[in-house]
Amino acid sequence: MNSEPSARSLALKSQLQDFMDEHIYPAEAAFNEHMSTTDNVWAPPPLLTELKAKARAAGL
């Protein structure tokens, strides 16, 4: 039985890590600030909508 990840899964992992490093981790402070100052914590912050669009555009 082959327990090694496929080339495709390794490429996706690398792409995801790059996306996290470039977009998600730097946005954590802004996200936390928004969540601590908003009246409605259940409404998605605009930043989240932007990040989702960037992730889709990157094929994630």
C-alpha atoms as a PDB file:
ATOM      1  CA  MET A   1       0.000   0.000   0.000  1.00  0.00           C
ATOM      2  CA  ASN A   2       1.373   3.415  -1.013  1.00  0.00           C
ATOM      3  CA  SER A   3       1.125   5.884   1.856  1.00  0.00           C
ATOM      4  CA  GLU A   4       2.958   8.701   0.101  1.00  0.00           C
ATOM      5  CA  PRO A   5       0.929  11.784  -0.873  1.00  0.00           C
ATOM      6  CA  SER A   6       0.343  12.245  -4.566  1.00  0.00           C
ATOM      7  CA  ALA A   7       2.112  14.950  -6.546  1.00  0.00           C
ATOM      8  CA  ARG A   8      -1.198  16.799  -6.890  1.00  0.00           C
ATOM      9  CA  SER A   9      -1.831  16.819  -3.152  1.00  0.00           C
ATOM     10  CA  LEU A  10       1.717  18.017  -2.468  1.00  0.00           C
ATOM     11  CA  ALA A  11       1.272  20.841  -4.992  1.00  0.00           C
ATOM     12  CA  LEU A  12      -2.056  21.855  -3.411  1.00  0.00           C
ATOM     13  CA  LYS A  13      -0.478  21.766   0.041  1.00  0.00           C
ATOM     14  CA  SER A  14       2.310  24.052  -1.120  1.00  0.00           C
ATOM     15  CA  GLN A  15      -0.144  26.402  -2.850  1.00  0.00           C
ATOM     16  CA  LEU A  16      -2.310  26.544   0.268  1.00  0.00           C
ATOM     17  CA  GLN A  17       0.662  27.236   2.543  1.00  0.00           C
ATOM     18  CA  ASP A  18       1.805  30.061   0.268  1.00  0.00           C
ATOM     19  CA  PHE A  19      -1.706  31.532   0.286  1.00  0.00           C
ATOM     20  CA  MET A  20      -1.897  31.304   4.068  1.00  0.00           C
ATOM     21  CA  ASP A  21       1.481  33.015   4.451  1.00  0.00           C
ATOM     22  CA  GLU A  22       0.657  35.777   1.957  1.00  0.00           C
ATOM     23  CA  HIS A  23      -2.980  36.533   2.772  1.00  0.00           C
ATOM     24  CA  ILE A  24      -4.463  34.803   5.802  1.00  0.00           C
ATOM     25  CA  TYR A  25      -1.869  35.199   8.550  1.00  0.00           C
ATOM     26  CA  PRO A  26      -1.294  38.923   7.829  1.00  0.00           C
ATOM     27  CA  ALA A  27      -5.071  39.495   7.985  1.00  0.00           C
ATOM     28  CA  GLU A  28      -5.540  37.930  11.433  1.00  0.00           C
ATOM     29  CA  ALA A  29      -5.022  41.195  13.327  1.00  0.00           C
ATOM     30  CA  ALA A  30      -7.533  43.059  11.142  1.00  0.00           C
ATOM     31  CA  PHE A  31     -10.022  40.205  11.520  1.00  0.00           C
ATOM     32  CA  ASN A  32      -9.656  40.182  15.306  1.00  0.00           C
ATOM     33  CA  GLU A  33     -10.004  43.973  15.420  1.00  0.00           C
ATOM     34  CA  HIS A  34     -13.202  43.799  13.371  1.00  0.00           C
ATOM     35  CA  MET A  35     -14.643  41.054  15.548  1.00  0.00           C
ATOM     36  CA  SER A  36     -13.920  42.991  18.731  1.00  0.00           C
ATOM     37  CA  THR A  37     -15.545  46.188  17.454  1.00  0.00           C
ATOM     38  CA  THR A  38     -18.551  44.936  15.489  1.00  0.00           C
ATOM     39  CA  ASP A  39     -22.090  44.886  16.806  1.00  0.00           C
ATOM     40  CA  ASN A  40     -22.969  41.704  14.926  1.00  0.00           C
ATOM     41  CA  VAL A  41     -20.357  38.983  15.327  1.00  0.00           C
ATOM     42  CA  TRP A  42     -22.458  36.634  13.195  1.00  0.00           C
ATOM     43  CA  ALA A  43     -22.215  38.768  10.032  1.00  0.00           C
ATOM     44  CA  PRO A  44     -19.185  37.889   7.926  1.00  0.00           C
ATOM     45  CA  PRO A  45     -16.638  40.709   7.904  1.00  0.00           C
ATOM     46  CA  PRO A  46     -15.845  42.303   4.533  1.00  0.00           C
ATOM     47  CA  LEU A  47     -12.269  41.073   4.879  1.00  0.00           C
ATOM     48  CA  LEU A  48     -13.488  37.478   4.880  1.00  0.00           C
ATOM     49  CA  THR A  49     -15.397  38.032   1.649  1.00  0.00           C
ATOM     50  CA  GLU A  50     -12.262  39.461   0.019  1.00  0.00           C
ATOM     51  CA  LEU A  51     -10.126  36.546   1.174  1.00  0.00           C
ATOM     52  CA  LYS A  52     -12.645  34.007  -0.085  1.00  0.00           C
ATOM     53  CA  ALA A  53     -12.611  35.656  -3.516  1.00  0.00           C
ATOM     54  CA  LYS A  54      -8.798  35.605  -3.586  1.00  0.00           C
ATOM     55  CA  ALA A  55      -8.769  31.933  -2.601  1.00  0.00           C
ATOM     56  CA  ARG A  56     -11.241  31.052  -5.339  1.00  0.00           C
ATOM     57  CA  ALA A  57      -9.207  33.021  -7.887  1.00  0.00           C
ATOM     58  CA  ALA A  58      -6.107  31.094  -6.810  1.00  0.00           C
ATOM     59  CA  GLY A  59      -7.910  27.793  -7.328  1.00  0.00           C
ATOM     60  CA  LEU A  60      -8.264  27.004  -3.663  1.00  0.00           C
END
